[in-house]
Protein backbone atom coordinates (compact mmCIF):
# COMPACT_ATOMS: atom_id res chain seq x y z
CA MET A 1 -63.70 158.25 -103.25
CA LYS A 2 -67.32 157.41 -104.32
CA ASP A 3 -65.87 153.67 -104.90
CA ARG A 4 -64.45 153.32 -102.40
CA VAL A 5 -67.72 153.79 -99.96
CA VAL A 6 -69.46 151.83 -102.55
CA VAL A 7 -67.63 148.75 -102.15
CA PHE A 8 -67.18 149.59 -98.84
CA GLY A 9 -70.75 149.16 -97.70
CA ASP A 10 -71.53 146.40 -100.25
CA ALA A 11 -68.93 144.17 -98.61
CA ILE A 12 -71.14 144.78 -94.84
CA ILE A 13 -74.28 144.52 -96.15
CA ALA A 14 -72.96 140.86 -97.75
CA ILE A 15 -71.32 140.12 -93.99
CA ILE A 16 -74.93 141.46 -92.30
CA LEU A 17 -76.86 139.23 -94.46
CA THR A 18 -74.38 136.26 -93.95
CA ILE A 19 -74.89 136.78 -90.44
CA ILE A 20 -78.35 136.62 -90.41
CA VAL A 21 -79.10 132.82 -92.15
CA LEU A 22 -75.93 131.73 -89.54
CA GLU A 23 -78.48 132.57 -87.18
CA LEU A 24 -80.87 130.20 -88.80
CA PRO A 25 -81.74 126.92 -85.55
CA ILE A 26 -80.99 124.68 -87.79
CA GLN A 27 -80.80 122.13 -85.02
CA THR A 28 -82.13 118.32 -84.27
CA ALA A 29 -84.42 117.12 -81.91
CA ALA A 30 -83.52 114.17 -79.09
CA ASN A 31 -84.61 111.66 -81.73
CA GLY A 32 -82.76 113.36 -84.86
CA THR A 33 -85.27 114.37 -86.39
CA VAL A 34 -85.16 118.09 -87.43
CA ASP A 35 -88.56 120.02 -86.26
CA ILE A 36 -89.79 121.56 -89.41
CA VAL A 37 -92.36 124.15 -87.74
CA VAL A 38 -89.17 125.79 -86.02
CA LEU A 39 -86.93 125.27 -88.71
CA PHE A 40 -89.39 127.02 -91.11
CA ARG A 41 -90.72 129.45 -88.67
CA ALA A 42 -86.74 131.32 -88.74
CA ILE A 43 -86.09 130.60 -92.34
CA GLY A 44 -89.36 133.01 -92.52
CA ILE A 45 -88.14 136.07 -90.35
CA TYR A 46 -85.00 135.31 -92.28
CA PHE A 47 -86.42 136.35 -95.11
CA ILE A 48 -87.93 139.42 -93.54
CA SER A 49 -84.50 140.47 -92.34
CA PHE A 50 -83.22 139.42 -96.40
CA CYS A 51 -85.94 142.06 -97.83
CA PHE A 52 -85.21 144.42 -95.64
CA VAL A 53 -81.70 144.13 -96.03
CA ALA A 54 -81.58 143.68 -99.84
CA ASN A 55 -83.58 146.44 -100.67
CA LEU A 56 -81.99 149.38 -98.84
CA TRP A 57 -78.76 147.66 -100.50
CA PHE A 58 -80.79 148.18 -104.04
CA GLN A 59 -82.16 151.66 -102.86
CA THR A 60 -79.02 153.10 -101.42
CA GLY A 61 -76.45 151.92 -104.82
CA TYR A 62 -79.59 153.58 -107.17
CA ALA A 63 -78.85 156.56 -105.25
CA PHE A 64 -74.96 156.23 -105.13
CA ASN A 65 -74.94 155.86 -109.10
CA LYS A 66 -76.29 159.39 -109.82
CA ILE A 67 -73.56 160.98 -107.76
CA GLU A 68 -70.33 161.89 -109.16
CA GLN A 69 -68.80 162.29 -104.98
CA VAL A 70 -69.60 161.60 -101.67
CA LYS A 71 -70.00 164.69 -99.25
CA ASN A 72 -68.62 164.47 -96.10
CA ARG A 73 -72.06 165.14 -94.54
CA ASP A 74 -72.94 162.06 -96.58
CA LEU A 75 -70.79 159.81 -95.74
CA VAL A 76 -71.19 160.58 -91.78
CA ILE A 77 -74.89 159.42 -92.59
CA TYR A 78 -74.16 156.31 -94.66
CA LEU A 79 -71.68 155.22 -92.18
CA LEU A 80 -74.54 156.12 -89.49
CA LEU A 81 -77.02 153.95 -91.46
CA LEU A 82 -74.57 150.71 -91.65
CA PHE A 83 -73.85 150.92 -87.69
CA PHE A 84 -77.57 150.64 -87.38
CA LEU A 85 -78.25 147.84 -90.38
CA SER A 86 -75.23 145.94 -88.47
CA LEU A 87 -77.49 145.49 -85.66
CA VAL A 88 -80.44 144.02 -87.73
CA PRO A 89 -78.74 140.72 -87.37
CA SER A 90 -79.30 140.38 -83.41
CA ALA A 91 -82.28 141.83 -83.45
CA THR A 92 -83.47 138.76 -86.40
CA ARG A 93 -81.56 136.19 -84.41
CA LEU A 94 -83.97 137.44 -81.23
CA LEU A 95 -86.71 137.41 -83.50
CA ILE A 96 -85.98 133.88 -84.07
CA GLU A 97 -84.94 132.58 -80.83
CA ASP A 98 -88.66 134.00 -79.03
CA THR A 99 -91.03 136.18 -81.04
CA THR A 100 -92.49 138.00 -78.60
CA LYS A 101 -94.08 141.36 -78.80
CA GLN A 102 -90.69 142.73 -76.62
CA THR A 103 -88.54 141.10 -79.50
CA LEU A 104 -90.78 142.46 -82.44
CA LEU A 105 -90.71 145.90 -80.87
CA ILE A 106 -87.60 145.85 -81.11
CA TYR A 107 -86.77 144.88 -84.49
CA GLY A 108 -89.78 147.41 -85.74
CA VAL A 109 -87.99 150.33 -84.28
CA LEU A 110 -84.20 148.91 -85.17
CA THR A 111 -86.38 148.91 -88.93
CA LEU A 112 -87.54 152.13 -88.22
CA ILE A 113 -84.51 153.86 -87.53
CA VAL A 114 -82.75 152.56 -90.86
CA THR A 115 -85.77 153.20 -93.31
CA VAL A 116 -85.30 157.09 -91.85
CA VAL A 117 -81.66 156.97 -91.95
CA MET A 118 -81.87 155.34 -95.57
CA ARG A 119 -84.82 157.71 -96.53
CA ARG A 120 -82.55 160.81 -95.08
CA LEU A 121 -79.45 159.81 -96.56
CA ILE A 122 -81.35 158.72 -100.64
CA THR A 123 -82.97 162.40 -100.07
CA ALA A 124 -80.13 164.19 -99.65
CA LEU A 125 -77.78 162.61 -102.60
CA THR A 126 -80.68 163.12 -104.60
CA LYS A 127 -80.71 166.79 -103.85
CA GLN A 128 -76.87 167.05 -105.40
CA VAL A 129 -78.17 165.46 -109.16
CA LEU A 130 -81.47 167.84 -109.25
CA ASP A 131 -80.76 171.45 -110.55
CA ASP A 132 -82.18 175.00 -109.07
CA ASN A 133 -85.91 174.72 -111.19
CA GLN A 134 -87.25 171.17 -109.74
CA ARG A 135 -84.64 171.20 -106.95
CA GLU A 136 -87.14 172.36 -104.10
CA LEU A 137 -90.77 170.10 -106.17
CA ARG A 138 -88.34 166.85 -106.09
CA ILE A 139 -86.97 167.53 -102.29
CA LYS A 140 -90.41 168.35 -101.13
CA LEU A 141 -92.01 165.41 -103.26
CA LEU A 142 -89.16 163.25 -101.11
CA ASN A 143 -90.21 164.65 -97.95
CA LYS A 144 -93.97 163.91 -98.46
CA GLN A 145 -92.88 160.10 -99.64
CA ASP A 146 -90.95 160.04 -96.15
CA GLY A 147 -93.33 161.59 -93.72
CA LEU A 148 -95.72 159.00 -94.41
CA SER A 149 -93.42 156.05 -94.66
CA VAL A 150 -92.16 156.86 -90.96
CA ILE A 151 -95.85 157.55 -90.38
CA PHE A 152 -97.12 153.64 -91.31
CA ARG A 153 -94.19 152.40 -89.33
CA VAL A 154 -95.00 153.26 -86.28
CA VAL A 155 -98.23 152.59 -86.52
CA VAL A 156 -96.77 149.17 -87.16
CA LEU A 157 -95.46 148.89 -83.99
CA ILE A 158 -98.32 149.89 -82.15
CA PHE A 159 -100.79 147.45 -84.48
CA GLY A 160 -97.60 144.91 -83.34
CA LEU A 161 -98.39 144.75 -79.67
CA PHE A 162 -101.82 143.70 -80.12
CA PHE A 163 -100.98 140.84 -83.28
CA ILE A 164 -98.26 139.70 -83.47
CA ARG A 165 -98.55 137.02 -87.07
CA PRO A 166 -99.82 139.63 -88.49
CA THR A 167 -97.08 141.85 -88.32
CA LEU A 168 -94.77 139.88 -89.24
CA ILE A 169 -96.76 139.28 -92.45
CA ILE A 170 -96.50 143.31 -93.16
CA TYR A 171 -92.51 143.80 -92.29
CA LEU A 172 -92.64 140.85 -94.92
CA VAL A 173 -94.65 143.05 -97.64
CA LEU A 174 -92.58 146.49 -96.61
CA PRO A 175 -89.54 145.82 -98.56
CA ILE A 176 -91.10 144.39 -101.04
CA MET A 177 -93.67 147.24 -101.67
CA ALA A 178 -90.58 149.31 -100.98
CA PHE A 179 -88.78 147.95 -104.28
CA LEU A 180 -91.17 148.08 -106.56
CA GLN A 181 -91.83 151.77 -105.54
CA ASN A 182 -87.71 151.87 -106.39
CA MET A 183 -88.72 150.59 -109.55
CA VAL A 184 -91.33 152.65 -110.05
CA GLU A 185 -89.39 155.92 -109.07
CA ARG A 186 -86.66 154.86 -111.53
CA GLU A 187 -89.72 154.49 -114.87
CA GLU A 188 -90.85 157.38 -114.22
CA ASN A 189 -87.32 159.25 -114.06
CA ASP A 190 -86.36 158.19 -117.52
CA LEU A 191 -89.49 160.39 -118.52
CA ILE A 192 -88.95 163.41 -116.43
CA ALA A 193 -85.22 163.17 -117.65
CA SER A 194 -86.20 163.81 -121.24
CA LEU A 195 -88.97 167.04 -120.16
CA ASP A 196 -87.22 170.64 -120.00
CA SER A 197 -87.41 172.39 -116.13
CA GLN A 198 -90.40 173.41 -116.92
CA GLN A 199 -91.89 171.00 -118.61
CA GLN A 200 -91.22 168.99 -114.99
CA ALA A 201 -92.95 171.79 -113.58
CA ASP A 202 -95.61 170.92 -115.40
CA TYR A 203 -95.69 167.05 -114.99
CA PHE A 204 -94.97 167.11 -111.56
CA GLN A 205 -98.43 169.90 -111.03
CA ASP A 206 -100.61 167.21 -113.47
CA ARG A 207 -98.94 164.06 -112.35
CA ASN A 208 -101.97 162.43 -111.43
CA GLN A 209 -104.30 164.03 -114.03
CA VAL A 210 -102.09 162.84 -116.82
CA TRP A 211 -102.24 159.22 -115.79
CA GLY A 212 -105.83 159.19 -114.57
CA ASN A 213 -104.80 158.24 -110.85
CA SER A 214 -102.34 157.64 -108.53
CA MET A 215 -102.95 154.02 -108.37
CA ARG A 216 -103.14 153.42 -112.57
CA ARG A 217 -99.51 155.90 -112.57
CA TYR A 218 -98.65 152.82 -110.07
CA SER A 219 -99.06 150.07 -112.17
CA ALA A 220 -97.94 151.33 -115.87
CA LEU A 221 -94.52 152.42 -114.48
CA LEU A 222 -93.79 148.96 -113.17
CA ARG A 223 -95.47 146.97 -116.28
CA ASP A 224 -93.12 148.90 -118.27
CA SER A 225 -90.09 148.55 -115.75
CA MET A 226 -90.66 144.55 -116.37
CA LYS A 227 -90.38 145.19 -120.31
CA ASP A 228 -86.83 144.73 -122.16
CA GLY A 229 -85.58 147.50 -123.46
CA ARG A 230 -87.86 150.28 -122.13
CA ALA A 231 -85.14 153.11 -122.81
CA TYR A 232 -86.26 152.65 -126.79
CA ASP A 233 -90.25 151.49 -126.26
CA SER A 234 -91.27 154.61 -128.44
CA ASP A 235 -94.76 153.72 -128.74
CA ARG A 236 -94.99 153.72 -124.30
CA TRP A 237 -93.51 157.66 -124.69
CA LYS A 238 -96.01 158.35 -127.68
CA LYS A 239 -98.74 157.16 -125.47
CA ILE A 240 -97.66 159.28 -122.02
CA MET A 241 -97.33 162.36 -124.45
CA ALA A 242 -100.66 161.75 -126.21
CA ASP A 243 -102.23 161.68 -122.68
CA TRP A 244 -101.15 164.23 -121.33
CA GLU A 245 -101.62 166.53 -124.01
CA GLU A 246 -105.99 164.52 -124.20
CA TYR A 247 -105.71 166.06 -121.07
CA ILE A 248 -104.50 169.79 -121.16
CA ASN A 249 -107.18 170.52 -124.06
CA GLY A 250 -109.82 168.67 -121.76
CA GLU A 251 -109.09 171.49 -119.27
CA ILE A 252 -108.62 174.15 -121.53
CA ASN A 253 -112.00 173.15 -123.13
CA GLU A 254 -114.32 172.77 -119.97
CA ARG A 255 -113.37 176.33 -118.82
CA LYS A 256 -114.12 177.61 -122.06
CA ARG A 257 -117.49 176.40 -121.66
CA LEU A 258 -117.84 178.12 -118.22
CA LEU A 259 -116.29 181.44 -119.10
CA PRO A 260 -119.84 182.59 -120.37
CA SER A 261 -121.37 181.52 -116.70
CA LEU A 262 -119.03 183.39 -114.74
CA ASN A 263 -119.07 186.81 -113.52
CA GLU A 264 -115.80 189.52 -113.98
CA ASN A 265 -113.45 188.64 -111.83
CA GLU A 266 -113.65 184.59 -111.83
CA THR A 267 -113.60 185.21 -116.17
CA ARG A 268 -110.56 187.17 -115.26
CA ARG A 269 -109.40 184.32 -113.33
CA VAL A 270 -109.84 181.63 -115.63
CA LYS A 271 -108.77 182.93 -118.87
CA ASN A 272 -105.34 183.50 -116.95
CA GLU A 273 -105.82 179.89 -116.47
CA ILE A 274 -107.12 178.73 -120.31
CA VAL A 275 -103.60 181.56 -121.12
CA ARG A 276 -101.37 179.18 -118.98
CA LEU A 277 -102.85 175.68 -120.33
CA GLU A 278 -102.88 177.09 -123.27
CA LYS A 279 -98.74 177.87 -123.10
CA GLN A 280 -98.04 174.27 -121.57
CA ARG A 281 -100.27 172.77 -124.80
CA GLN A 282 -97.62 174.66 -126.59
CA ARG A 283 -94.74 173.14 -125.24
CA MET A 284 -96.45 169.39 -125.40
CA GLU A 285 -96.13 170.56 -128.96
CA MET A 286 -92.19 171.50 -128.95
CA GLN A 287 -91.89 168.08 -126.47
CA LYS A 288 -93.68 165.64 -128.47
CA SER A 289 -91.66 166.95 -131.89
CA LEU A 290 -88.36 166.24 -129.53
CA THR A 291 -88.96 163.40 -128.50
CA GLU A 292 -90.14 161.95 -132.42
CA GLU A 293 -86.46 163.12 -133.58
CA ARG A 294 -84.51 162.05 -131.04
CA LEU A 295 -86.08 158.76 -131.15
CA ASN A 296 -86.32 158.29 -134.92
CA HIS A 297 -82.42 159.25 -134.75
CA PRO A 298 -80.84 157.25 -132.52
CA THR A 299 -77.69 158.06 -130.44
CA PRO A 300 -74.86 156.29 -130.82
CA LEU A 301 -75.41 154.15 -127.51
CA LYS A 302 -78.52 153.71 -128.72
CA LYS A 303 -77.71 152.52 -132.16
CA GLN A 304 -74.65 150.64 -130.28
CA HIS A 305 -77.95 148.82 -127.96
CA LEU A 306 -80.01 148.34 -130.56
CA LYS A 307 -77.45 146.46 -132.70
CA GLN A 308 -76.51 144.51 -129.86
CA ARG A 309 -80.32 143.37 -129.55
CA ARG A 310 -80.69 142.55 -133.32
CA PRO A 311 -80.96 138.35 -133.65
CA ARG A 312 -78.63 137.11 -135.56
CA LYS A 313 -79.16 134.88 -138.98
């Protein structure tokens, strides 16, 4: 059933993209020439809609790939998503024919609805593949991302009532950024999959500290996602583990340095934190050993991958 749902959705999305491109005003003026300015403006608006629909196809396709079956509730959400998405060609045509505050508002409201429904679908599909230990934390993180996305799009809607051209540029950038974000999340999921449930909880608690900050994490994961054979890049995994271990050691040393200057209650609290961090460090040592063993002893699938990548003599 899942395959039929995905194929049906892919067919609808292909038709939607076809209809959008057919709306381009490729017509000649009275003297037989093409209005280049109007044509390029229309192509630019088409490109915005193309990126928006293509990003939705990519994100939903990746989410569907992780599940075994489609639940009835998820199917209803997906059909509702396709319904609103099928209205995008009409909104794009309105925007091409007459780019005003009103048509920009219509396009913005529609893409906002599509984005909300898509994110709810992805959250529901992701919930199916998470175990009990990490479900609450991951869903909370996804809900936070969804909330920020909705707030930002509402702000863009209001901004579009005053500035049309800059808003069009924002609508162009949004799906591109969402596509890159999805690549980063896929790359990070590879790392998370190699950890046990407790280490996953540790990672999400210390994620920004492990990487330094959110921007460094984003850029590093995006850069890694562009590399071939990144799933078997042992140096990358070891570097991440080393940075994580260095952060834990630094936290332990900082707390030990503060102990002599604390009162009794604070000393008790800090000692408990040191015990927690030392247990986390022990788990990290075990994880490093497991990671090195996994990388040094390829699975049959990895051996086949490496054999295919070996250059011919």
